[in-house]
Amino acid sequence: SGQKRRQGSAKGPRQEKLPDWAQEGYQPEKKKVSDADREKLAAQLAKLRELGDKGGAN
Protein backbone atom coordinates (compact mmCIF):
# COMPACT_ATOMS: atom_id res chain seq x y z
CA SER A 1 0.00 0.00 0.00
CA GLY A 2 2.91 2.31 0.65
CA GLN A 3 4.41 1.80 -2.81
CA LYS A 4 4.40 4.58 -5.37
CA ARG A 5 3.14 3.83 -8.83
CA ARG A 6 5.63 4.23 -11.62
CA GLN A 7 4.35 6.65 -14.23
CA GLY A 8 5.21 6.71 -17.90
CA SER A 9 7.88 4.71 -19.61
CA ALA A 10 11.62 4.94 -19.23
CA LYS A 11 11.93 4.77 -23.03
CA GLY A 12 9.85 7.88 -23.66
CA PRO A 13 6.91 8.23 -26.03
CA ARG A 14 6.50 5.65 -28.78
CA GLN A 15 7.33 6.81 -32.28
CA GLU A 16 5.10 5.46 -35.04
CA LYS A 17 5.87 5.80 -38.73
CA LEU A 18 3.01 7.28 -40.71
CA PRO A 19 1.95 5.12 -43.67
CA ASP A 20 2.61 6.53 -47.14
CA TRP A 21 -1.07 7.26 -47.78
CA ALA A 22 -1.20 9.45 -44.67
CA GLN A 23 1.74 11.62 -45.72
CA GLU A 24 1.00 15.12 -46.94
CA GLY A 25 0.93 15.40 -50.73
CA TYR A 26 0.50 11.64 -51.29
CA GLN A 27 -0.60 10.75 -54.81
CA PRO A 28 -2.19 7.30 -55.18
CA GLU A 29 -1.02 5.34 -58.19
CA LYS A 30 -3.57 5.10 -60.98
CA LYS A 31 -4.64 1.60 -61.96
CA LYS A 32 -6.51 0.61 -65.10
CA VAL A 33 -9.77 -1.25 -64.48
CA SER A 34 -10.67 -3.92 -67.00
CA ASP A 35 -14.08 -3.86 -68.69
CA ALA A 36 -14.97 -7.20 -67.07
CA ASP A 37 -14.23 -5.82 -63.60
CA ARG A 38 -16.17 -2.66 -64.42
CA GLU A 39 -19.24 -4.71 -65.43
CA LYS A 40 -18.96 -6.88 -62.33
CA LEU A 41 -18.84 -3.82 -60.07
CA ALA A 42 -21.74 -2.17 -61.90
CA ALA A 43 -23.87 -5.30 -61.34
CA GLN A 44 -23.00 -5.40 -57.64
CA LEU A 45 -23.77 -1.70 -57.29
CA ALA A 46 -27.14 -2.12 -59.01
CA LYS A 47 -27.98 -4.97 -56.64
CA LEU A 48 -27.07 -2.84 -53.61
CA ARG A 49 -29.12 0.10 -54.86
CA GLU A 50 -32.08 -2.22 -55.43
CA LEU A 51 -31.82 -3.43 -51.84
CA GLY A 52 -31.58 0.15 -50.65
CA ASP A 53 -34.76 1.11 -52.50
CA LYS A 54 -36.68 -1.66 -50.75
CA GLY A 55 -35.55 -0.33 -47.40
CA GLY A 56 -33.96 -3.58 -46.25
CA ALA A 57 -35.59 -6.65 -44.69
CA ASN A 58 -35.56 -5.41 -41.10
PDB file of N, CA and C in Angstrom:
ATOM      1  N   SER A   1       0.816  -1.204   0.000  1.00  0.00           N
ATOM      2  CA  SER A   1       0.000   0.000   0.000  1.00  0.00           C
ATOM      3  C   SER A   1       0.849   1.252   0.000  1.00  0.00           C
ATOM      4  N   GLY A   2       2.054   1.147   0.559  1.00  0.00           N
ATOM      5  CA  GLY A   2       2.911   2.306   0.654  1.00  0.00           C
ATOM      6  C   GLY A   2       3.764   2.521  -0.581  1.00  0.00           C
ATOM      7  N   GLN A   3       3.570   1.674  -1.616  1.00  0.00           N
ATOM      8  CA  GLN A   3       4.405   1.796  -2.812  1.00  0.00           C
ATOM      9  C   GLN A   3       3.870   2.884  -3.734  1.00  0.00           C
ATOM     10  N   LYS A   4       4.798   3.563  -4.401  1.00  0.00           N
ATOM     11  CA  LYS A   4       4.399   4.578  -5.370  1.00  0.00           C
ATOM     12  C   LYS A   4       4.277   3.918  -6.739  1.00  0.00           C
ATOM     13  N   ARG A   5       3.303   4.358  -7.476  1.00  0.00           N
ATOM     14  CA  ARG A   5       3.144   3.830  -8.829  1.00  0.00           C
ATOM     15  C   ARG A   5       4.158   4.488  -9.751  1.00  0.00           C
ATOM     16  N   ARG A   6       4.714   3.674 -10.646  1.00  0.00           N
ATOM     17  CA  ARG A   6       5.632   4.233 -11.622  1.00  0.00           C
ATOM     18  C   ARG A   6       4.807   4.820 -12.767  1.00  0.00           C
ATOM     19  N   GLN A   7       5.114   6.020 -13.162  1.00  0.00           N
ATOM     20  CA  GLN A   7       4.354   6.655 -14.229  1.00  0.00           C
ATOM     21  C   GLN A   7       5.190   6.757 -15.491  1.00  0.00           C
ATOM     22  N   GLY A   8       4.535   6.550 -16.620  1.00  0.00           N
ATOM     23  CA  GLY A   8       5.213   6.706 -17.896  1.00  0.00           C
ATOM     24  C   GLY A   8       6.164   5.564 -18.180  1.00  0.00           C
ATOM     25  N   SER A   9       6.932   5.723 -19.200  1.00  0.00           N
ATOM     26  CA  SER A   9       7.880   4.706 -19.613  1.00  0.00           C
ATOM     27  C   SER A   9       9.280   5.298 -19.596  1.00  0.00           C
ATOM     28  N   ALA A  10      10.240   4.470 -19.260  1.00  0.00           N
ATOM     29  CA  ALA A  10      11.623   4.942 -19.226  1.00  0.00           C
ATOM     30  C   ALA A  10      12.130   5.224 -20.641  1.00  0.00           C
ATOM     31  N   LYS A  11      11.490   4.611 -21.643  1.00  0.00           N
ATOM     32  CA  LYS A  11      11.930   4.770 -23.031  1.00  0.00           C
ATOM     33  C   LYS A  11      11.430   6.070 -23.661  1.00  0.00           C
ATOM     34  N   GLY A  12      10.423   6.679 -23.074  1.00  0.00           N
ATOM     35  CA  GLY A  12       9.850   7.876 -23.664  1.00  0.00           C
ATOM     36  C   GLY A  12       8.676   7.511 -24.556  1.00  0.00           C
ATOM     37  N   PRO A  13       8.092   8.507 -25.205  1.00  0.00           N
ATOM     38  CA  PRO A  13       6.914   8.235 -26.032  1.00  0.00           C
ATOM     39  C   PRO A  13       7.259   7.365 -27.240  1.00  0.00           C
ATOM     40  N   ARG A  14       6.297   6.561 -27.649  1.00  0.00           N
ATOM     41  CA  ARG A  14       6.499   5.650 -28.778  1.00  0.00           C
ATOM     42  C   ARG A  14       6.400   6.423 -30.091  1.00  0.00           C
ATOM     43  N   GLN A  15       7.338   6.174 -30.976  1.00  0.00           N
ATOM     44  CA  GLN A  15       7.328   6.812 -32.285  1.00  0.00           C
ATOM     45  C   GLN A  15       6.736   5.845 -33.301  1.00  0.00           C
ATOM     46  N   GLU A  16       5.712   6.296 -34.015  1.00  0.00           N
ATOM     47  CA  GLU A  16       5.099   5.463 -35.042  1.00  0.00           C
ATOM     48  C   GLU A  16       5.315   6.118 -36.396  1.00  0.00           C
ATOM     49  N   LYS A  17       5.669   5.286 -37.379  1.00  0.00           N
ATOM     50  CA  LYS A  17       5.875   5.802 -38.726  1.00  0.00           C
ATOM     51  C   LYS A  17       4.524   5.915 -39.415  1.00  0.00           C
ATOM     52  N   LEU A  18       4.257   7.089 -39.982  1.00  0.00           N
ATOM     53  CA  LEU A  18       3.008   7.277 -40.711  1.00  0.00           C
ATOM     54  C   LEU A  18       3.058   6.485 -42.010  1.00  0.00           C
ATOM     55  N   PRO A  19       1.962   5.822 -42.389  1.00  0.00           N
ATOM     56  CA  PRO A  19       1.946   5.119 -43.675  1.00  0.00           C
ATOM     57  C   PRO A  19       2.019   6.118 -44.828  1.00  0.00           C
ATOM     58  N   ASP A  20       2.447   5.642 -45.989  1.00  0.00           N
ATOM     59  CA  ASP A  20       2.614   6.526 -47.144  1.00  0.00           C
ATOM     60  C   ASP A  20       1.341   7.300 -47.464  1.00  0.00           C
ATOM     61  N   TRP A  21       0.177   6.609 -47.392  1.00  0.00           N
ATOM     62  CA  TRP A  21      -1.073   7.259 -47.778  1.00  0.00           C
ATOM     63  C   TRP A  21      -1.470   8.379 -46.814  1.00  0.00           C
ATOM     64  N   ALA A  22      -0.870   8.409 -45.638  1.00  0.00           N
ATOM     65  CA  ALA A  22      -1.203   9.451 -44.668  1.00  0.00           C
ATOM     66  C   ALA A  22      -0.259  10.648 -44.768  1.00  0.00           C
ATOM     67  N   GLN A  23       0.785  10.520 -45.563  1.00  0.00           N
ATOM     68  CA  GLN A  23       1.737  11.615 -45.722  1.00  0.00           C
ATOM     69  C   GLN A  23       1.090  12.753 -46.508  1.00  0.00           C
ATOM     70  N   GLU A  24       1.533  13.970 -46.221  1.00  0.00           N
ATOM     71  CA  GLU A  24       1.000  15.119 -46.936  1.00  0.00           C
ATOM     72  C   GLU A  24       1.479  15.082 -48.382  1.00  0.00           C
ATOM     73  N   GLY A  25       0.574  15.363 -49.316  1.00  0.00           N
ATOM     74  CA  GLY A  25       0.931  15.398 -50.726  1.00  0.00           C
ATOM     75  C   GLY A  25       1.007  14.032 -51.377  1.00  0.00           C
ATOM     76  N   TYR A  26       0.461  13.002 -50.730  1.00  0.00           N
ATOM     77  CA  TYR A  26       0.504  11.644 -51.291  1.00  0.00           C
ATOM     78  C   TYR A  26      -0.382  11.547 -52.526  1.00  0.00           C
ATOM     79  N   GLN A  27       0.151  10.971 -53.585  1.00  0.00           N
ATOM     80  CA  GLN A  27      -0.604  10.754 -54.812  1.00  0.00           C
ATOM     81  C   GLN A  27      -0.771   9.248 -55.022  1.00  0.00           C
ATOM     82  N   PRO A  28      -2.006   8.731 -54.961  1.00  0.00           N
ATOM     83  CA  PRO A  28      -2.194   7.295 -55.183  1.00  0.00           C
ATOM     84  C   PRO A  28      -1.886   6.936 -56.632  1.00  0.00           C
ATOM     85  N   GLU A  29      -1.344   5.738 -56.829  1.00  0.00           N
ATOM     86  CA  GLU A  29      -1.021   5.337 -58.192  1.00  0.00           C
ATOM     87  C   GLU A  29      -2.307   4.962 -58.920  1.00  0.00           C
ATOM     88  N   LYS A  30      -2.375   5.358 -60.175  1.00  0.00           N
ATOM     89  CA  LYS A  30      -3.566   5.097 -60.982  1.00  0.00           C
ATOM     90  C   LYS A  30      -3.485   3.677 -61.533  1.00  0.00           C
ATOM     91  N   LYS A  31      -4.600   2.955 -61.427  1.00  0.00           N
ATOM     92  CA  LYS A  31      -4.645   1.596 -61.963  1.00  0.00           C
ATOM     93  C   LYS A  31      -5.764   1.512 -62.986  1.00  0.00           C
ATOM     94  N   LYS A  32      -5.500   0.809 -64.071  1.00  0.00           N
ATOM     95  CA  LYS A  32      -6.512   0.614 -65.097  1.00  0.00           C
ATOM     96  C   LYS A  32      -7.467  -0.481 -64.636  1.00  0.00           C
ATOM     97  N   VAL A  33      -8.764  -0.258 -64.843  1.00  0.00           N
ATOM     98  CA  VAL A  33      -9.771  -1.247 -64.481  1.00  0.00           C
ATOM     99  C   VAL A  33     -10.271  -1.890 -65.767  1.00  0.00           C
ATOM    100  N   SER A  34     -10.238  -3.224 -65.797  1.00  0.00           N
ATOM    101  CA  SER A  34     -10.670  -3.924 -67.004  1.00  0.00           C
ATOM    102  C   SER A  34     -12.182  -3.793 -67.173  1.00  0.00           C
ATOM    103  N   ASP A  35     -12.650  -3.965 -68.409  1.00  0.00           N
ATOM    104  CA  ASP A  35     -14.083  -3.857 -68.686  1.00  0.00           C
ATOM    105  C   ASP A  35     -14.870  -4.917 -67.921  1.00  0.00           C
ATOM    106  N   ALA A  36     -14.297  -6.112 -67.788  1.00  0.00           N
ATOM    107  CA  ALA A  36     -14.971  -7.195 -67.067  1.00  0.00           C
ATOM    108  C   ALA A  36     -15.172  -6.809 -65.602  1.00  0.00           C
ATOM    109  N   ASP A  37     -14.134  -6.254 -64.997  1.00  0.00           N
ATOM    110  CA  ASP A  37     -14.234  -5.822 -63.600  1.00  0.00           C
ATOM    111  C   ASP A  37     -15.253  -4.689 -63.459  1.00  0.00           C
ATOM    112  N   ARG A  38     -15.249  -3.799 -64.441  1.00  0.00           N
ATOM    113  CA  ARG A  38     -16.170  -2.663 -64.416  1.00  0.00           C
ATOM    114  C   ARG A  38     -17.624  -3.153 -64.457  1.00  0.00           C
ATOM    115  N   GLU A  39     -17.893  -4.154 -65.322  1.00  0.00           N
ATOM    116  CA  GLU A  39     -19.243  -4.713 -65.431  1.00  0.00           C
ATOM    117  C   GLU A  39     -19.648  -5.410 -64.139  1.00  0.00           C
ATOM    118  N   LYS A  40     -18.702  -6.145 -63.565  1.00  0.00           N
ATOM    119  CA  LYS A  40     -18.963  -6.877 -62.326  1.00  0.00           C
ATOM    120  C   LYS A  40     -19.331  -5.901 -61.202  1.00  0.00           C
ATOM    121  N   LEU A  41     -18.569  -4.824 -61.100  1.00  0.00           N
ATOM    122  CA  LEU A  41     -18.836  -3.816 -60.073  1.00  0.00           C
ATOM    123  C   LEU A  41     -20.171  -3.113 -60.311  1.00  0.00           C
ATOM    124  N   ALA A  42     -20.482  -2.838 -61.569  1.00  0.00           N
ATOM    125  CA  ALA A  42     -21.744  -2.171 -61.895  1.00  0.00           C
ATOM    126  C   ALA A  42     -22.925  -3.052 -61.492  1.00  0.00           C
ATOM    127  N   ALA A  43     -22.803  -4.368 -61.711  1.00  0.00           N
ATOM    128  CA  ALA A  43     -23.869  -5.303 -61.343  1.00  0.00           C
ATOM    129  C   ALA A  43     -24.042  -5.340 -59.825  1.00  0.00           C
ATOM    130  N   GLN A  44     -22.934  -5.379 -59.105  1.00  0.00           N
ATOM    131  CA  GLN A  44     -22.998  -5.400 -57.638  1.00  0.00           C
ATOM    132  C   GLN A  44     -23.614  -4.106 -57.107  1.00  0.00           C
ATOM    133  N   LEU A  45     -23.250  -2.997 -57.714  1.00  0.00           N
ATOM    134  CA  LEU A  45     -23.767  -1.699 -57.291  1.00  0.00           C
ATOM    135  C   LEU A  45     -25.272  -1.618 -57.541  1.00  0.00           C
ATOM    136  N   ALA A  46     -25.711  -2.123 -58.692  1.00  0.00           N
ATOM    137  CA  ALA A  46     -27.136  -2.117 -59.015  1.00  0.00           C
ATOM    138  C   ALA A  46     -27.911  -2.952 -57.998  1.00  0.00           C
ATOM    139  N   LYS A  47     -27.339  -4.088 -57.621  1.00  0.00           N
ATOM    140  CA  LYS A  47     -27.976  -4.970 -56.640  1.00  0.00           C
ATOM    141  C   LYS A  47     -28.102  -4.258 -55.289  1.00  0.00           C
ATOM    142  N   LEU A  48     -27.046  -3.578 -54.878  1.00  0.00           N
ATOM    143  CA  LEU A  48     -27.067  -2.844 -53.613  1.00  0.00           C
ATOM    144  C   LEU A  48     -28.100  -1.719 -53.640  1.00  0.00           C
ATOM    145  N   ARG A  49     -28.157  -1.010 -54.753  1.00  0.00           N
ATOM    146  CA  ARG A  49     -29.115   0.096 -54.863  1.00  0.00           C
ATOM    147  C   ARG A  49     -30.544  -0.429 -54.821  1.00  0.00           C
ATOM    148  N   GLU A  50     -30.757  -1.591 -55.436  1.00  0.00           N
ATOM    149  CA  GLU A  50     -32.078  -2.218 -55.434  1.00  0.00           C
ATOM    150  C   GLU A  50     -32.482  -2.562 -53.998  1.00  0.00           C
ATOM    151  N   LEU A  51     -31.551  -3.106 -53.240  1.00  0.00           N
ATOM    152  CA  LEU A  51     -31.815  -3.432 -51.839  1.00  0.00           C
ATOM    153  C   LEU A  51     -32.106  -2.166 -51.038  1.00  0.00           C
ATOM    154  N   GLY A  52     -31.387  -1.108 -51.350  1.00  0.00           N
ATOM    155  CA  GLY A  52     -31.580   0.154 -50.647  1.00  0.00           C
ATOM    156  C   GLY A  52     -32.952   0.745 -50.914  1.00  0.00           C
ATOM    157  N   ASP A  53     -33.447   0.583 -52.147  1.00  0.00           N
ATOM    158  CA  ASP A  53     -34.762   1.111 -52.503  1.00  0.00           C
ATOM    159  C   ASP A  53     -35.869   0.403 -51.737  1.00  0.00           C
ATOM    160  N   LYS A  54     -35.677  -0.887 -51.478  1.00  0.00           N
ATOM    161  CA  LYS A  54     -36.680  -1.664 -50.749  1.00  0.00           C
ATOM    162  C   LYS A  54     -36.687  -1.305 -49.269  1.00  0.00           C
ATOM    163  N   GLY A  55     -35.619  -0.717 -48.804  1.00  0.00           N
ATOM    164  CA  GLY A  55     -35.547  -0.333 -47.398  1.00  0.00           C
ATOM    165  C   GLY A  55     -35.035  -1.431 -46.498  1.00  0.00           C
ATOM    166  N   GLY A  56     -34.515  -2.491 -47.064  1.00  0.00           N
ATOM    167  CA  GLY A  56     -33.963  -3.575 -46.247  1.00  0.00           C
ATOM    168  C   GLY A  56     -35.045  -4.507 -45.741  1.00  0.00           C
ATOM    169  N   ALA A  57     -34.650  -5.628 -45.152  1.00  0.00           N
ATOM    170  CA  ALA A  57     -35.589  -6.650 -44.687  1.00  0.00           C
ATOM    171  C   ALA A  57     -35.772  -6.602 -43.181  1.00  0.00           C
ATOM    172  N   ASN A  58     -35.439  -5.490 -42.554  1.00  0.00           N
ATOM    173  CA  ASN A  58     -35.558  -5.413 -41.095  1.00  0.00           C
ATOM    174  C   ASN A  58     -36.990  -5.257 -40.735  1.00  0.00           C
TER     175      ASN A  58
END
